[in-house]
Amino acid sequence: MSDLVPASGTVHWIGAGLSTGGGLAALCETAERVRVWHRTEDRAAEALAHLGLTGRAEPRAYTLPALTAELAPGDVVVSMLPAPEHAPLLAACVQGGAHFACSSYVSEAVLDQVPAAEAAGLVVLTECGLDPGIDHLFAHSLVTRAEHAIGAGTAASYRLTSYCGGIPAVPNDFRYRFSWAPAGVLNALRSPARYIEDGAETVADRPWEVTRPHVIDGETFEVYPNRDSLPFVGQYELPTAWKAETFVRGTLRLDGWLSAWDSVFEELKGGDDERIGALARELAARYPTTDADRDRVVLAVSLEVDADGDTGSGRRTWSGRYLLDLEGDAAESAMARCVSRTLALGVRHILDGSLPPGLSRAAETARRSEEWLSELGGEGLEFRLTVG
């Protein structure tokens, strides 16, 4: 592994859309210089004004060549752009000797560039937002606590569920308002989901067709599996002696969402990319999260472990749950608060040199998960752990 390139102190925040919030303000407090890049310089300046950051960050009009021209070794580039744009941005970072951070899942195109970044001494931080991000921190913490109670080498079965959703604080007829890119919401629904149910690998080609009720603190929601859950069995470092009865990472929606979206699902079944793109724009215009609306974020991660036979200590079962349930306010949406503050925390650890070169995620170890949860809690991101 090459030596880590020291951070220069300059952060380039690319994109100032729905998920940009208090995290950017936090970086303005800690970084020596912050530049915010948006579609035009005026739009970047407007975003800074909305967040009360005028004069604390420099607005820029984003194009990849314009950014590349300003990159210096050790700079940190934070991508709030759509996931397909991460790989070209990372390539520019590798060429310019800059570190890279985003909140998105790791794509193959990004993974392909990790060896070159690591060889150059650069950090590539991914999955550092809400979901993925805080959910990883919760899961790692629960697994570690269960190991201490049951024993990593003890034969056991477990059920892990991780459900997250951005929903309206005040329900509407559509049971949803868009608090992040509408096209991303629809395209996620078009992707098959793979998960473990009743001890067996299961695939849902149309995830919404396996939607089920899910009760949290007496409130009924609807949940469905999202993307491929199976790689996270290894990422969460679940003991090999434990057998998965249930392992699913999924999306949470308000009760009644399934029926309210029936016409959308009909479009998803037969629509091509062009039609789905148009539908995303239509729905975004019809059901936006406006300044008058308040969004809500609910993230519930649960783990139950049942040991087989006598554990020697008499402890045969363990269960734990983390719950984050936040509403947005006039200053920022709940979604922006969760995504941007977690990402900003990761960037601050790039700046202080505590992340190694190469690929990192929000939670690589149990120890780091506990440290980051403590830091996020200290910054006012409220969540609750229940063990019983």
Protein backbone atom coordinates (compact mmCIF):
# COMPACT_ATOMS: atom_id res chain seq x y z
CA MET A 1 0.00 0.00 0.00
CA SER A 2 1.33 3.43 -0.90
CA ASP A 3 1.67 6.17 1.67
CA LEU A 4 -1.44 8.25 2.21
CA VAL A 5 -1.47 11.55 0.33
CA PRO A 6 -1.87 14.23 3.03
CA ALA A 7 -5.13 16.15 2.74
CA SER A 8 -4.68 19.68 1.47
CA GLY A 9 -7.60 21.09 3.45
CA THR A 10 -9.63 21.98 0.34
CA VAL A 11 -12.99 20.28 -0.21
CA HIS A 12 -14.89 20.36 -3.52
CA TRP A 13 -18.60 19.62 -2.90
CA ILE A 14 -20.13 18.64 -6.27
CA GLY A 15 -23.89 19.10 -6.53
CA ALA A 16 -26.18 20.97 -4.13
CA GLY A 17 -29.48 19.19 -4.56
CA LEU A 18 -32.03 17.61 -2.21
CA SER A 19 -29.50 15.71 -0.06
CA THR A 20 -27.24 18.68 0.71
CA GLY A 21 -27.79 20.04 4.21
CA GLY A 22 -26.08 20.63 7.52
CA GLY A 23 -23.14 18.42 6.61
CA LEU A 24 -21.91 21.08 4.21
CA ALA A 25 -22.11 23.66 6.99
CA ALA A 26 -20.10 21.34 9.24
CA LEU A 27 -17.38 21.09 6.61
CA CYS A 28 -17.26 24.85 6.31
CA GLU A 29 -16.34 24.85 10.01
CA THR A 30 -13.54 22.29 9.72
CA ALA A 31 -12.06 22.47 6.20
CA GLU A 32 -9.67 25.25 5.29
CA ARG A 33 -11.51 25.94 2.03
CA VAL A 34 -14.80 24.68 0.56
CA ARG A 35 -15.92 25.09 -3.03
CA VAL A 36 -19.48 24.22 -3.96
CA TRP A 37 -20.03 23.23 -7.58
CA HIS A 38 -23.49 23.25 -9.14
CA ARG A 39 -25.04 23.54 -12.61
CA THR A 40 -24.35 27.27 -12.70
CA GLU A 41 -22.49 29.58 -10.38
CA ASP A 42 -25.75 31.39 -9.61
CA ARG A 43 -27.43 28.11 -8.60
CA ALA A 44 -24.46 27.27 -6.39
CA ALA A 45 -24.70 30.70 -4.76
CA GLU A 46 -28.45 30.24 -4.22
CA ALA A 47 -27.86 26.88 -2.53
CA LEU A 48 -25.28 28.45 -0.22
CA ALA A 49 -27.64 31.30 0.61
CA HIS A 50 -30.43 28.84 1.43
CA LEU A 51 -28.11 27.06 3.87
CA GLY A 52 -26.85 30.33 5.37
CA LEU A 53 -23.36 29.71 4.00
CA THR A 54 -22.87 32.76 1.79
CA GLY A 55 -19.25 33.85 2.10
CA ARG A 56 -18.22 30.63 3.82
CA ALA A 57 -17.85 28.59 0.63
CA GLU A 58 -16.97 29.53 -2.94
CA PRO A 59 -19.67 28.94 -5.61
CA ARG A 60 -18.60 27.38 -8.89
CA ALA A 61 -20.27 26.30 -12.17
CA TYR A 62 -19.65 22.58 -12.53
CA THR A 63 -18.18 20.87 -15.53
CA LEU A 64 -15.66 18.08 -15.20
CA PRO A 65 -12.96 20.05 -17.08
CA ALA A 66 -13.57 23.10 -14.88
CA LEU A 67 -13.23 21.02 -11.72
CA THR A 68 -10.16 19.21 -13.03
CA ALA A 69 -8.47 22.53 -13.69
CA GLU A 70 -8.82 23.48 -10.01
CA LEU A 71 -7.89 20.13 -8.42
CA ALA A 72 -4.69 20.00 -6.41
CA PRO A 73 -3.01 16.99 -4.77
CA GLY A 74 -4.65 16.15 -1.45
CA ASP A 75 -7.94 17.91 -2.23
CA VAL A 76 -11.13 16.04 -1.32
CA VAL A 77 -13.90 15.72 -3.92
CA VAL A 78 -17.39 15.01 -2.54
CA SER A 79 -19.80 13.77 -5.20
CA MET A 80 -23.50 14.42 -4.68
CA LEU A 81 -24.08 13.63 -8.37
CA PRO A 82 -26.09 10.63 -9.66
CA ALA A 83 -24.23 7.34 -9.25
CA PRO A 84 -23.35 6.89 -12.97
CA GLU A 85 -21.29 10.10 -12.79
CA HIS A 86 -19.05 8.90 -9.94
CA ALA A 87 -16.64 6.89 -12.07
CA PRO A 88 -15.57 9.75 -14.40
CA LEU A 89 -15.21 12.01 -11.37
CA LEU A 90 -13.08 9.41 -9.57
CA ALA A 91 -10.88 9.07 -12.67
CA ALA A 92 -10.25 12.82 -12.54
CA CYS A 93 -9.39 12.50 -8.84
CA VAL A 94 -6.86 9.73 -9.48
CA GLN A 95 -5.28 11.79 -12.23
CA GLY A 96 -5.14 14.89 -10.04
CA GLY A 97 -4.11 13.16 -6.81
CA ALA A 98 -7.37 14.00 -4.98
CA HIS A 99 -9.35 11.92 -2.50
CA PHE A 100 -12.95 10.97 -3.35
CA ALA A 101 -16.12 10.57 -1.27
CA CYS A 102 -19.79 9.81 -2.01
CA SER A 103 -22.84 8.37 -0.30
CA SER A 104 -23.71 5.86 -3.04
CA TYR A 105 -23.24 2.09 -3.32
CA VAL A 106 -19.98 0.95 -4.85
CA SER A 107 -20.41 0.37 -8.59
CA GLU A 108 -18.25 -1.89 -10.75
CA ALA A 109 -16.99 1.19 -12.59
CA VAL A 110 -15.80 2.69 -9.30
CA LEU A 111 -14.32 -0.61 -8.09
CA ASP A 112 -12.28 -0.86 -11.27
CA GLN A 113 -10.46 2.33 -10.32
CA VAL A 114 -9.83 1.53 -6.66
CA PRO A 115 -6.47 -0.25 -7.25
CA ALA A 116 -5.10 2.83 -9.08
CA ALA A 117 -6.40 5.12 -6.34
CA GLU A 118 -4.89 2.97 -3.60
CA ALA A 119 -1.55 2.79 -5.42
CA ALA A 120 -1.60 6.60 -5.61
CA GLY A 121 -2.25 6.91 -1.85
CA LEU A 122 -5.83 8.15 -2.25
CA VAL A 123 -8.95 7.42 -0.19
CA VAL A 124 -12.11 6.30 -1.99
CA LEU A 125 -14.93 6.63 0.55
CA THR A 126 -18.33 5.23 -0.47
CA GLU A 127 -21.63 4.12 1.12
CA CYS A 128 -21.35 6.98 3.59
CA GLY A 129 -24.83 8.48 3.80
CA LEU A 130 -28.12 7.29 5.28
CA ASP A 131 -28.85 4.11 3.34
CA PRO A 132 -26.19 3.05 2.59
CA GLY A 133 -24.27 4.51 5.49
CA ILE A 134 -25.96 4.82 8.88
CA ASP A 135 -27.64 1.46 8.28
CA HIS A 136 -24.17 -0.11 8.00
CA LEU A 137 -23.13 1.49 11.29
CA PHE A 138 -26.24 0.14 13.03
CA ALA A 139 -25.79 -3.37 11.63
CA HIS A 140 -22.12 -3.64 12.61
CA SER A 141 -22.95 -2.47 16.13
CA LEU A 142 -25.76 -5.01 16.53
CA VAL A 143 -23.66 -7.91 15.22
CA THR A 144 -20.84 -7.11 17.64
CA ARG A 145 -23.22 -6.88 20.60
CA ALA A 146 -24.82 -10.20 19.65
CA GLU A 147 -21.41 -11.86 19.34
CA HIS A 148 -20.52 -10.75 22.86
CA ALA A 149 -23.78 -12.18 24.20
CA ILE A 150 -24.03 -15.43 22.21
CA GLY A 151 -20.48 -16.14 21.06
CA ALA A 152 -19.20 -15.93 17.50
CA GLY A 153 -18.33 -19.63 17.49
CA THR A 154 -21.69 -20.78 18.83
CA ALA A 155 -24.02 -22.45 16.35
CA ALA A 156 -27.05 -20.21 16.02
CA SER A 157 -29.70 -18.91 13.63
CA TYR A 158 -30.44 -15.24 13.09
CA ARG A 159 -32.86 -12.81 11.52
CA LEU A 160 -31.53 -9.45 10.37
CA THR A 161 -33.76 -6.83 8.76
CA SER A 162 -32.78 -3.32 7.73
CA TYR A 163 -35.53 -1.08 6.40
CA CYS A 164 -35.17 2.60 5.51
CA GLY A 165 -37.41 5.16 3.86
CA GLY A 166 -37.88 8.85 3.22
CA ILE A 167 -41.60 9.55 3.65
CA PRO A 168 -43.89 12.56 4.14
CA ALA A 169 -44.17 13.74 7.73
CA VAL A 170 -47.84 14.47 6.94
CA PRO A 171 -49.25 11.63 4.79
CA ASN A 172 -50.84 12.52 1.46
CA ASP A 173 -53.00 10.47 -0.92
CA PHE A 174 -49.93 9.32 -2.87
CA ARG A 175 -48.31 8.20 0.42
CA TYR A 176 -45.03 9.73 -0.73
CA ARG A 177 -43.18 12.91 -1.65
CA PHE A 178 -39.87 12.92 -3.49
CA SER A 179 -37.00 13.80 -1.17
CA TRP A 180 -34.33 12.49 -3.54
CA ALA A 181 -33.94 11.94 -7.29
CA PRO A 182 -37.28 10.64 -8.67
CA ALA A 183 -35.57 8.63 -11.42
CA GLY A 184 -33.52 6.86 -8.75
CA VAL A 185 -36.68 5.92 -6.85
CA LEU A 186 -38.30 4.37 -9.91
CA ASN A 187 -35.19 2.65 -11.21
CA ALA A 188 -34.60 1.02 -7.82
CA LEU A 189 -38.07 -0.48 -8.11
CA ARG A 190 -37.18 -1.86 -11.56
CA SER A 191 -34.16 -3.73 -10.17
CA PRO A 192 -34.66 -7.34 -8.94
CA ALA A 193 -34.11 -7.90 -5.22
CA ARG A 194 -32.16 -10.83 -3.74
CA TYR A 195 -32.44 -11.71 -0.07
CA ILE A 196 -32.77 -14.60 2.40
CA GLU A 197 -36.18 -15.71 3.63
CA ASP A 198 -37.01 -18.89 5.55
CA GLY A 199 -33.35 -19.84 5.32
CA ALA A 200 -33.25 -19.81 1.51
CA GLU A 201 -32.00 -17.37 -1.10
CA THR A 202 -34.97 -15.62 -2.69
CA VAL A 203 -35.26 -13.34 -5.74
CA ALA A 204 -38.09 -10.89 -6.40
CA ASP A 205 -38.05 -9.64 -10.00
CA ARG A 206 -40.58 -6.96 -9.06
CA PRO A 207 -39.77 -6.01 -5.47
CA TRP A 208 -43.06 -4.22 -4.85
CA GLU A 209 -44.93 -7.50 -5.40
CA VAL A 210 -43.54 -8.86 -2.12
CA THR A 211 -44.46 -5.78 -0.06
CA ARG A 212 -45.58 -6.65 3.46
CA PRO A 213 -46.67 -4.84 6.65
CA HIS A 214 -43.98 -3.94 9.19
CA VAL A 215 -44.88 -2.59 12.63
CA ILE A 216 -42.49 -0.23 14.45
CA ASP A 217 -43.49 1.02 17.90
CA GLY A 218 -47.14 0.36 17.12
CA GLU A 219 -47.12 2.17 13.75
CA THR A 220 -47.71 0.08 10.63
CA PHE A 221 -45.53 0.65 7.57
CA GLU A 222 -45.06 -1.24 4.31
CA VAL A 223 -41.67 -2.70 3.39
CA TYR A 224 -40.12 -4.49 0.45
CA PRO A 225 -36.63 -5.84 -0.35
CA ASN A 226 -34.22 -3.58 -2.24
CA ARG A 227 -31.36 -4.60 -4.54
CA ASP A 228 -29.02 -7.45 -3.55
CA SER A 229 -28.84 -8.05 0.21
CA LEU A 230 -26.56 -11.10 0.13
CA PRO A 231 -23.13 -9.38 -0.19
CA PHE A 232 -23.84 -7.59 3.09
CA VAL A 233 -23.80 -10.85 5.05
CA GLY A 234 -20.03 -10.77 4.57
CA GLN A 235 -19.72 -7.00 4.84
CA TYR A 236 -21.46 -7.05 8.23
CA GLU A 237 -19.08 -9.83 9.33
CA LEU A 238 -21.80 -12.17 10.61
CA PRO A 239 -20.19 -15.27 12.18
CA THR A 240 -19.93 -18.27 9.88
CA ALA A 241 -21.29 -20.46 12.69
CA TRP A 242 -24.59 -18.58 12.49
CA LYS A 243 -27.20 -19.53 9.88
CA ALA A 244 -29.36 -16.86 8.29
CA GLU A 245 -33.09 -17.51 8.58
CA THR A 246 -33.83 -13.97 7.38
CA PHE A 247 -31.48 -11.39 5.92
CA VAL A 248 -33.04 -8.53 4.05
CA ARG A 249 -32.18 -4.90 3.40
CA GLY A 250 -35.18 -3.06 2.10
CA THR A 251 -37.24 0.07 1.66
CA LEU A 252 -39.89 1.41 4.03
CA ARG A 253 -43.03 3.24 2.96
CA LEU A 254 -46.19 4.56 4.60
CA ASP A 255 -49.10 2.17 5.09
CA GLY A 256 -51.26 2.31 1.96
CA TRP A 257 -48.34 3.03 -0.38
CA LEU A 258 -48.79 -0.17 -2.38
CA SER A 259 -52.34 0.60 -3.44
CA ALA A 260 -51.64 4.32 -3.96
CA TRP A 261 -48.87 3.49 -6.44
CA ASP A 262 -50.81 0.93 -8.46
CA SER A 263 -50.80 3.00 -11.66
CA VAL A 264 -47.05 3.63 -11.29
CA PHE A 265 -46.37 -0.11 -11.06
CA GLU A 266 -48.32 -0.70 -14.27
CA GLU A 267 -46.00 1.79 -16.01
CA LEU A 268 -42.91 0.12 -14.52
CA LYS A 269 -43.94 -3.28 -15.88
CA GLY A 270 -43.91 -2.19 -19.49
CA GLY A 271 -42.24 1.20 -19.77
CA ASP A 272 -38.89 1.70 -21.47
CA ASP A 273 -36.13 3.97 -20.13
CA GLU A 274 -37.52 7.00 -21.97
CA ARG A 275 -41.02 6.52 -20.59
CA ILE A 276 -39.79 5.89 -17.05
CA GLY A 277 -37.66 9.04 -17.24
CA ALA A 278 -40.71 11.03 -18.30
CA LEU A 279 -42.80 9.44 -15.56
CA ALA A 280 -40.17 10.42 -12.98
CA ARG A 281 -40.42 14.05 -14.09
CA GLU A 282 -44.22 13.97 -14.02
CA LEU A 283 -44.36 12.50 -10.51
CA ALA A 284 -41.69 14.89 -9.23
CA ALA A 285 -43.74 17.84 -10.42
CA ARG A 286 -46.92 16.42 -8.92
CA TYR A 287 -45.54 15.27 -5.55
CA PRO A 288 -42.47 17.35 -4.64
CA THR A 289 -41.22 18.02 -1.15
CA THR A 290 -41.59 21.79 -1.13
CA ASP A 291 -40.43 24.36 1.40
CA ALA A 292 -43.88 24.12 2.98
CA ASP A 293 -43.63 20.34 3.45
CA ARG A 294 -41.71 18.40 6.04
CA ASP A 295 -40.18 15.04 5.27
CA ARG A 296 -39.56 12.16 7.64
CA VAL A 297 -36.83 9.54 7.64
CA VAL A 298 -37.32 6.17 9.33
CA LEU A 299 -34.46 3.65 9.56
CA ALA A 300 -35.02 0.47 11.57
CA VAL A 301 -32.31 -2.20 11.80
CA SER A 302 -33.06 -5.31 13.87
CA LEU A 303 -31.12 -8.47 14.73
CA GLU A 304 -32.41 -11.54 16.57
CA VAL A 305 -30.13 -14.49 17.32
CA ASP A 306 -31.16 -17.92 18.66
CA ALA A 307 -28.34 -20.20 19.81
CA ASP A 308 -28.54 -23.94 19.10
CA GLY A 309 -28.29 -26.05 22.26
CA ASP A 310 -26.50 -25.03 25.45
CA THR A 311 -24.22 -22.01 25.11
CA GLY A 312 -22.54 -22.72 28.43
CA SER A 313 -23.57 -19.35 29.81
CA GLY A 314 -27.28 -20.02 29.77
CA ARG A 315 -27.89 -17.17 27.29
CA ARG A 316 -29.73 -18.72 24.33
CA THR A 317 -31.32 -15.71 22.64
CA TRP A 318 -30.41 -12.11 21.95
CA SER A 319 -32.23 -9.30 20.17
CA GLY A 320 -31.43 -5.68 19.44
CA ARG A 321 -32.78 -2.84 17.34
CA TYR A 322 -31.65 0.59 16.28
CA LEU A 323 -34.34 3.10 15.31
CA LEU A 324 -33.78 6.48 13.71
CA ASP A 325 -37.00 8.46 13.20
CA LEU A 326 -36.49 12.11 12.25
CA GLU A 327 -38.59 14.90 10.77
CA GLY A 328 -37.23 17.72 8.68
CA ASP A 329 -37.51 21.34 9.76
CA ALA A 330 -37.31 24.77 8.16
CA ALA A 331 -33.51 24.64 8.12
CA GLU A 332 -33.08 21.32 6.33
CA SER A 333 -34.91 18.16 5.39
CA ALA A 334 -34.47 15.00 7.43
CA MET A 335 -33.00 13.29 4.36
CA ALA A 336 -30.43 16.05 3.85
CA ARG A 337 -29.54 16.00 7.53
CA CYS A 338 -28.88 12.26 7.59
CA VAL A 339 -27.05 11.98 4.26
CA SER A 340 -24.94 15.12 4.38
CA ARG A 341 -23.89 14.92 8.02
CA THR A 342 -22.77 11.32 7.71
CA LEU A 343 -20.87 12.10 4.54
CA ALA A 344 -19.30 15.17 6.11
CA LEU A 345 -18.15 13.05 9.05
CA GLY A 346 -16.39 10.72 6.62
CA VAL A 347 -14.79 13.65 4.81
CA ARG A 348 -13.51 15.03 8.10
CA HIS A 349 -11.78 11.69 8.70
CA ILE A 350 -10.16 11.98 5.30
CA LEU A 351 -8.99 15.46 6.26
CA ASP A 352 -7.51 14.26 9.57
CA GLY A 353 -5.72 11.36 7.88
CA SER A 354 -7.46 8.58 9.82
CA LEU A 355 -8.77 6.70 6.75
CA PRO A 356 -6.29 4.53 4.81
CA PRO A 357 -5.68 4.66 1.05
CA GLY A 358 -8.06 2.56 -1.04
CA LEU A 359 -11.73 1.69 -0.61
CA SER A 360 -13.57 2.57 2.60
CA ARG A 361 -17.23 2.47 3.54
CA ALA A 362 -19.03 4.10 6.42
CA ALA A 363 -18.50 1.01 8.55
CA GLU A 364 -15.47 -1.17 7.92
CA THR A 365 -15.06 -2.36 11.51
CA ALA A 366 -17.18 -2.63 14.63
CA ARG A 367 -14.89 -0.21 16.45
CA ARG A 368 -15.23 2.45 13.77
CA SER A 369 -19.00 1.98 13.75
CA GLU A 370 -19.21 2.72 17.46
CA GLU A 371 -16.93 5.75 17.09
CA TRP A 372 -18.92 7.18 14.19
CA LEU A 373 -22.27 6.55 15.91
CA SER A 374 -20.96 8.39 18.95
CA GLU A 375 -19.81 11.30 16.79
CA LEU A 376 -23.10 11.49 14.90
CA GLY A 377 -25.05 11.36 18.15
CA GLY A 378 -22.91 14.17 19.53
CA GLU A 379 -23.84 16.28 16.50
CA GLY A 380 -27.54 15.96 17.17
CA LEU A 381 -28.48 13.02 14.92
CA GLU A 382 -30.87 11.23 17.25
CA PHE A 383 -31.41 7.46 17.24
CA ARG A 384 -32.30 4.81 19.80
CA LEU A 385 -30.85 1.40 20.64
CA THR A 386 -33.10 -1.20 22.29
CA VAL A 387 -31.69 -4.50 23.53
CA GLY A 388 -33.91 -7.18 24.99
